[in-house]
Amino acid sequence: MYTSPVAFSRIFRLFSIFLLPMIAAWSLMTACPAPNATPDGSTETTPDGSTETTPDGSTQETMSEATPEGSGAIRSLVTKEGTYRVVYVPAPDPIPLNENFAINFTVTYADGREMALPADLELKADATMPAHKHGMLQKPTIQKETTGKYKVDGMKFHMPGQWVMKVDLTSGAKTETVDFEINLSN
């Protein structure tokens, strides 16, 4: 059976738009234990209100791979060097235009191993608009809540368009990076 290049292109586009984010979400959910499961199996609500009760009675945090406004922004990526997986959840969600917002980051090992992250692991986050060659107008503050959990306050995307949020993770002399593309509309 012959498949034309146009048909193949359409099939590949459907795969990359729909199936890849679903596969990424499934792998994230299976690699990370449910952070909000209660001992009695009841449902506990996360700060953004997203929980799901599984058939065995435990809860699992649900995390959309795309932002509510449908920009397709991936919220879970592995660092370029391959050691860590970084997941972010903005508050409020969706990210507002020209208003302060916070971002909660969770860092785990990319391969799913359960061992503790380095105690000295620090996170830095900033955002730029590559097309305009500028960054944010204010510097965010970063608070380490526990190892692997960070809160960044004072983020503000003052213009609509394509933003790149760069996250650096440093332990000792080694720094790893991940870049999240965020398309902010009016």
C-alpha atoms as a PDB file:
ATOM      1  CA  MET A   1       0.000   0.000   0.000  1.00  0.00           C
ATOM      2  CA  TYR A   2       1.389   3.384  -1.009  1.00  0.00           C
ATOM      3  CA  THR A   3       1.049   6.300   1.405  1.00  0.00           C
ATOM      4  CA  SER A   4       1.559   9.691  -0.168  1.00  0.00           C
ATOM      5  CA  PRO A   5       3.920  12.160   1.519  1.00  0.00           C
ATOM      6  CA  VAL A   6       0.932  14.426   2.262  1.00  0.00           C
ATOM      7  CA  ALA A   7      -0.967  11.606   3.974  1.00  0.00           C
ATOM      8  CA  PHE A   8       2.125  10.615   5.923  1.00  0.00           C
ATOM      9  CA  SER A   9       2.602  14.243   6.999  1.00  0.00           C
ATOM     10  CA  ARG A  10      -0.994  14.391   8.247  1.00  0.00           C
ATOM     11  CA  ILE A  11      -0.640  11.128  10.150  1.00  0.00           C
ATOM     12  CA  PHE A  12       2.614  12.297  11.743  1.00  0.00           C
ATOM     13  CA  ARG A  13       1.032  15.644  12.696  1.00  0.00           C
ATOM     14  CA  LEU A  14      -1.922  13.873  14.356  1.00  0.00           C
ATOM     15  CA  PHE A  15       0.492  11.603  16.208  1.00  0.00           C
ATOM     16  CA  SER A  16       2.650  14.488  17.457  1.00  0.00           C
ATOM     17  CA  ILE A  17      -0.289  16.707  18.434  1.00  0.00           C
ATOM     18  CA  PHE A  18      -2.498  14.139  20.150  1.00  0.00           C
ATOM     19  CA  LEU A  19      -0.638  10.971  21.013  1.00  0.00           C
ATOM     20  CA  LEU A  20       2.740  12.289  22.171  1.00  0.00           C
ATOM     21  CA  PRO A  21       1.238  14.508  24.929  1.00  0.00           C
ATOM     22  CA  MET A  22      -0.962  11.607  26.054  1.00  0.00           C
ATOM     23  CA  ILE A  23       2.052   9.282  26.191  1.00  0.00           C
ATOM     24  CA  ALA A  24       4.037  11.900  28.129  1.00  0.00           C
ATOM     25  CA  ALA A  25       1.177  12.390  30.598  1.00  0.00           C
ATOM     26  CA  TRP A  26       0.813   8.625  31.080  1.00  0.00           C
ATOM     27  CA  SER A  27       4.546   8.168  31.643  1.00  0.00           C
ATOM     28  CA  LEU A  28       4.578  11.014  34.163  1.00  0.00           C
ATOM     29  CA  MET A  29       1.608   9.569  36.065  1.00  0.00           C
ATOM     30  CA  THR A  30       3.138   6.106  36.192  1.00  0.00           C
ATOM     31  CA  ALA A  31       6.635   7.325  37.109  1.00  0.00           C
ATOM     32  CA  CYS A  32       5.539   9.597  39.954  1.00  0.00           C
ATOM     33  CA  PRO A  33       3.496   8.292  42.890  1.00  0.00           C
ATOM     34  CA  ALA A  34       0.305  10.135  43.741  1.00  0.00           C
ATOM     35  CA  PRO A  35       1.477  12.959  46.008  1.00  0.00           C
ATOM     36  CA  ASN A  36      -1.905  13.537  47.606  1.00  0.00           C
ATOM     37  CA  ALA A  37      -3.075  10.014  48.490  1.00  0.00           C
ATOM     38  CA  THR A  38      -4.563   9.755  51.960  1.00  0.00           C
ATOM     39  CA  PRO A  39      -4.218   6.696  54.217  1.00  0.00           C
ATOM     40  CA  ASP A  40      -7.977   5.974  54.143  1.00  0.00           C
ATOM     41  CA  GLY A  41      -8.134   6.154  50.322  1.00  0.00           C
ATOM     42  CA  SER A  42     -10.294   9.269  50.231  1.00  0.00           C
ATOM     43  CA  THR A  43      -9.838  12.042  47.720  1.00  0.00           C
ATOM     44  CA  GLU A  44      -7.683  14.974  48.732  1.00  0.00           C
ATOM     45  CA  THR A  45      -7.748  18.121  46.636  1.00  0.00           C
ATOM     46  CA  THR A  46      -4.535  19.684  45.370  1.00  0.00           C
ATOM     47  CA  PRO A  47      -4.055  23.477  45.555  1.00  0.00           C
ATOM     48  CA  ASP A  48      -5.306  23.855  41.984  1.00  0.00           C
ATOM     49  CA  GLY A  49      -8.267  21.530  42.662  1.00  0.00           C
ATOM     50  CA  SER A  50      -7.179  18.741  40.339  1.00  0.00           C
ATOM     51  CA  THR A  51      -7.557  15.221  41.704  1.00  0.00           C
ATOM     52  CA  GLU A  52      -8.786  11.952  40.381  1.00  0.00           C
ATOM     53  CA  THR A  53      -9.878   8.888  42.325  1.00  0.00           C
ATOM     54  CA  THR A  54      -8.531   5.666  40.844  1.00  0.00           C
ATOM     55  CA  PRO A  55     -10.465   2.371  40.876  1.00  0.00           C
ATOM     56  CA  ASP A  56      -8.474   1.113  43.893  1.00  0.00           C
ATOM     57  CA  GLY A  57      -9.617   4.136  45.943  1.00  0.00           C
ATOM     58  CA  SER A  58      -6.321   6.037  45.900  1.00  0.00           C
ATOM     59  CA  THR A  59      -6.000   9.503  44.453  1.00  0.00           C
ATOM     60  CA  GLN A  60      -3.832  10.674  41.662  1.00  0.00           C
ATOM     61  CA  GLU A  61      -3.021  14.244  40.719  1.00  0.00           C
ATOM     62  CA  THR A  62      -4.203  15.000  37.229  1.00  0.00           C
ATOM     63  CA  MET A  63      -1.996  17.245  35.185  1.00  0.00           C
ATOM     64  CA  SER A  64      -2.913  18.476  31.764  1.00  0.00           C
ATOM     65  CA  GLU A  65      -0.087  18.534  29.284  1.00  0.00           C
ATOM     66  CA  ALA A  66      -1.702  21.514  27.553  1.00  0.00           C
ATOM     67  CA  THR A  67      -2.747  24.792  29.057  1.00  0.00           C
ATOM     68  CA  PRO A  68      -6.499  25.412  29.339  1.00  0.00           C
ATOM     69  CA  GLU A  69      -6.436  27.947  26.533  1.00  0.00           C
ATOM     70  CA  GLY A  70      -5.114  25.208  24.243  1.00  0.00           C
ATOM     71  CA  SER A  71      -1.681  26.637  23.452  1.00  0.00           C
ATOM     72  CA  GLY A  72      -0.162  23.153  23.616  1.00  0.00           C
ATOM     73  CA  ALA A  73       2.464  24.193  26.150  1.00  0.00           C
ATOM     74  CA  ILE A  74       4.129  21.129  27.612  1.00  0.00           C
ATOM     75  CA  ARG A  75       4.227  21.284  31.418  1.00  0.00           C
ATOM     76  CA  SER A  76       6.562  18.351  31.998  1.00  0.00           C
ATOM     77  CA  LEU A  77       9.996  18.038  30.410  1.00  0.00           C
ATOM     78  CA  VAL A  78      13.287  16.256  31.018  1.00  0.00           C
ATOM     79  CA  THR A  79      16.382  18.441  31.320  1.00  0.00           C
ATOM     80  CA  LYS A  80      18.545  18.617  28.208  1.00  0.00           C
ATOM     81  CA  GLU A  81      21.220  16.638  30.059  1.00  0.00           C
ATOM     82  CA  GLY A  82      18.677  13.905  30.918  1.00  0.00           C
ATOM     83  CA  THR A  83      18.938  13.613  34.714  1.00  0.00           C
ATOM     84  CA  TYR A  84      15.796  15.393  35.964  1.00  0.00           C
ATOM     85  CA  ARG A  85      12.131  15.756  35.033  1.00  0.00           C
ATOM     86  CA  VAL A  86      10.645  19.194  35.763  1.00  0.00           C
ATOM     87  CA  VAL A  87       6.887  19.707  36.077  1.00  0.00           C
ATOM     88  CA  TYR A  88       5.288  23.114  36.539  1.00  0.00           C
ATOM     89  CA  VAL A  89       1.827  24.262  37.592  1.00  0.00           C
ATOM     90  CA  PRO A  90       1.024  27.983  37.351  1.00  0.00           C
ATOM     91  CA  ALA A  91      -1.204  29.717  39.902  1.00  0.00           C
ATOM     92  CA  PRO A  92      -3.570  31.016  38.734  1.00  0.00           C
ATOM     93  CA  ASP A  93      -4.087  28.711  35.793  1.00  0.00           C
ATOM     94  CA  PRO A  94      -4.243  29.758  32.988  1.00  0.00           C
ATOM     95  CA  ILE A  95      -1.361  32.207  33.213  1.00  0.00           C
ATOM     96  CA  PRO A  96      -2.765  35.751  33.223  1.00  0.00           C
ATOM     97  CA  LEU A  97      -1.560  38.479  30.888  1.00  0.00           C
ATOM     98  CA  ASN A  98       0.243  41.407  32.550  1.00  0.00           C
ATOM     99  CA  GLU A  99      -0.474  40.206  36.106  1.00  0.00           C
ATOM    100  CA  ASN A 100       1.747  38.600  38.721  1.00  0.00           C
ATOM    101  CA  PHE A 101       1.454  34.831  39.057  1.00  0.00           C
ATOM    102  CA  ALA A 102       3.302  32.025  40.804  1.00  0.00           C
ATOM    103  CA  ILE A 103       4.626  28.730  39.524  1.00  0.00           C
ATOM    104  CA  ASN A 104       4.995  25.551  41.554  1.00  0.00           C
ATOM    105  CA  PHE A 105       7.782  23.264  40.318  1.00  0.00           C
ATOM    106  CA  THR A 106       8.276  19.601  41.107  1.00  0.00           C
ATOM    107  CA  VAL A 107      11.604  17.992  40.245  1.00  0.00           C
ATOM    108  CA  THR A 108      12.133  14.213  40.106  1.00  0.00           C
ATOM    109  CA  TYR A 109      14.650  11.924  38.461  1.00  0.00           C
ATOM    110  CA  ALA A 110      13.853  11.481  34.766  1.00  0.00           C
ATOM    111  CA  ASP A 111      14.267   7.706  34.931  1.00  0.00           C
ATOM    112  CA  GLY A 112      11.695   7.417  37.746  1.00  0.00           C
ATOM    113  CA  ARG A 113      14.083   6.195  40.432  1.00  0.00           C
ATOM    114  CA  GLU A 114      12.850   6.761  43.963  1.00  0.00           C
ATOM    115  CA  MET A 115      16.115   7.826  45.602  1.00  0.00           C
ATOM    116  CA  ALA A 116      16.403  11.267  47.185  1.00  0.00           C
ATOM    117  CA  LEU A 117      17.417  14.237  45.090  1.00  0.00           C
ATOM    118  CA  PRO A 118      20.651  16.019  46.066  1.00  0.00           C
ATOM    119  CA  ALA A 119      20.030  18.172  49.161  1.00  0.00           C
ATOM    120  CA  ASP A 120      21.856  21.108  47.545  1.00  0.00           C
ATOM    121  CA  LEU A 121      19.685  21.055  44.381  1.00  0.00           C
ATOM    122  CA  GLU A 122      18.721  24.656  43.612  1.00  0.00           C
ATOM    123  CA  LEU A 123      16.277  25.927  41.017  1.00  0.00           C
ATOM    124  CA  LYS A 124      16.404  29.195  39.065  1.00  0.00           C
ATOM    125  CA  ALA A 125      13.654  30.289  36.698  1.00  0.00           C
ATOM    126  CA  ASP A 126      13.335  33.186  34.288  1.00  0.00           C
ATOM    127  CA  ALA A 127      11.416  33.890  31.084  1.00  0.00           C
ATOM    128  CA  THR A 128      12.168  35.685  27.827  1.00  0.00           C
ATOM    129  CA  MET A 129      10.438  36.534  24.567  1.00  0.00           C
ATOM    130  CA  PRO A 130      12.986  35.431  21.937  1.00  0.00           C
ATOM    131  CA  ALA A 131      11.136  37.142  19.074  1.00  0.00           C
ATOM    132  CA  HIS A 132      11.316  40.494  20.897  1.00  0.00           C
ATOM    133  CA  LYS A 133      14.744  39.847  22.474  1.00  0.00           C
ATOM    134  CA  HIS A 134      13.678  40.814  25.994  1.00  0.00           C
ATOM    135  CA  GLY A 135      12.723  39.202  29.262  1.00  0.00           C
ATOM    136  CA  MET A 136      10.325  39.955  32.052  1.00  0.00           C
ATOM    137  CA  LEU A 137      10.254  43.430  33.562  1.00  0.00           C
ATOM    138  CA  GLN A 138      10.673  42.123  37.104  1.00  0.00           C
ATOM    139  CA  LYS A 139      12.779  39.469  38.779  1.00  0.00           C
ATOM    140  CA  PRO A 140      10.867  36.596  40.413  1.00  0.00           C
ATOM    141  CA  THR A 141      11.631  35.251  43.885  1.00  0.00           C
ATOM    142  CA  ILE A 142      12.301  31.558  44.402  1.00  0.00           C
ATOM    143  CA  GLN A 143      11.496  29.618  47.537  1.00  0.00           C
ATOM    144  CA  LYS A 144      12.638  26.036  48.099  1.00  0.00           C
ATOM    145  CA  GLU A 145       9.789  24.335  49.951  1.00  0.00           C
ATOM    146  CA  THR A 146      11.366  20.879  50.235  1.00  0.00           C
ATOM    147  CA  THR A 147      13.894  18.965  48.171  1.00  0.00           C
ATOM    148  CA  GLY A 148      12.318  18.751  44.735  1.00  0.00           C
ATOM    149  CA  LYS A 149       9.531  21.289  45.439  1.00  0.00           C
ATOM    150  CA  TYR A 150       9.960  24.966  44.617  1.00  0.00           C
ATOM    151  CA  LYS A 151       7.670  27.981  44.393  1.00  0.00           C
ATOM    152  CA  VAL A 152       8.494  30.930  42.167  1.00  0.00           C
ATOM    153  CA  ASP A 153       6.565  34.132  42.928  1.00  0.00           C
ATOM    154  CA  GLY A 154       6.480  37.370  40.984  1.00  0.00           C
ATOM    155  CA  MET A 155       6.381  35.988  37.459  1.00  0.00           C
ATOM    156  CA  LYS A 156       4.729  38.431  35.054  1.00  0.00           C
ATOM    157  CA  PHE A 157       4.305  38.050  31.311  1.00  0.00           C
ATOM    158  CA  HIS A 158       3.584  41.625  30.300  1.00  0.00           C
ATOM    159  CA  MET A 159       2.957  40.927  26.595  1.00  0.00           C
ATOM    160  CA  PRO A 160       1.038  38.308  24.620  1.00  0.00           C
ATOM    161  CA  GLY A 161       3.075  36.011  22.414  1.00  0.00           C
ATOM    162  CA  GLN A 162       5.669  33.262  22.647  1.00  0.00           C
ATOM    163  CA  TRP A 163       7.571  33.120  25.962  1.00  0.00           C
ATOM    164  CA  VAL A 164      10.370  30.715  26.851  1.00  0.00           C
ATOM    165  CA  MET A 165      10.679  29.891  30.544  1.00  0.00           C
ATOM    166  CA  LYS A 166      14.204  28.683  31.277  1.00  0.00           C
ATOM    167  CA  VAL A 167      14.689  26.553  34.389  1.00  0.00           C
ATOM    168  CA  ASP A 168      18.196  25.815  35.687  1.00  0.00           C
ATOM    169  CA  LEU A 169      18.809  23.069  38.253  1.00  0.00           C
ATOM    170  CA  THR A 170      22.175  23.246  39.997  1.00  0.00           C
ATOM    171  CA  SER A 171      23.766  20.701  42.304  1.00  0.00           C
ATOM    172  CA  GLY A 172      27.402  21.278  43.181  1.00  0.00           C
ATOM    173  CA  ALA A 173      29.203  22.440  40.047  1.00  0.00           C
ATOM    174  CA  LYS A 174      26.718  20.801  37.635  1.00  0.00           C
ATOM    175  CA  THR A 175      23.813  22.751  36.111  1.00  0.00           C
ATOM    176  CA  GLU A 176      21.073  21.208  33.975  1.00  0.00           C
ATOM    177  CA  THR A 177      18.535  23.163  31.955  1.00  0.00           C
ATOM    178  CA  VAL A 178      15.018  22.819  30.600  1.00  0.00           C
ATOM    179  CA  ASP A 179      13.135  25.335  28.434  1.00  0.00           C
ATOM    180  CA  PHE A 180       9.326  25.488  28.454  1.00  0.00           C
ATOM    181  CA  GLU A 181       7.614  27.264  25.555  1.00  0.00           C
ATOM    182  CA  ILE A 182       4.503  29.150  26.649  1.00  0.00           C
ATOM    183  CA  ASN A 183       2.211  30.836  24.146  1.00  0.00           C
ATOM    184  CA  LEU A 184       0.248  33.558  25.888  1.00  0.00           C
ATOM    185  CA  SER A 185      -2.726  35.010  24.034  1.00  0.00           C
ATOM    186  CA  ASN A 186      -4.737  38.156  24.740  1.00  0.00           C
END
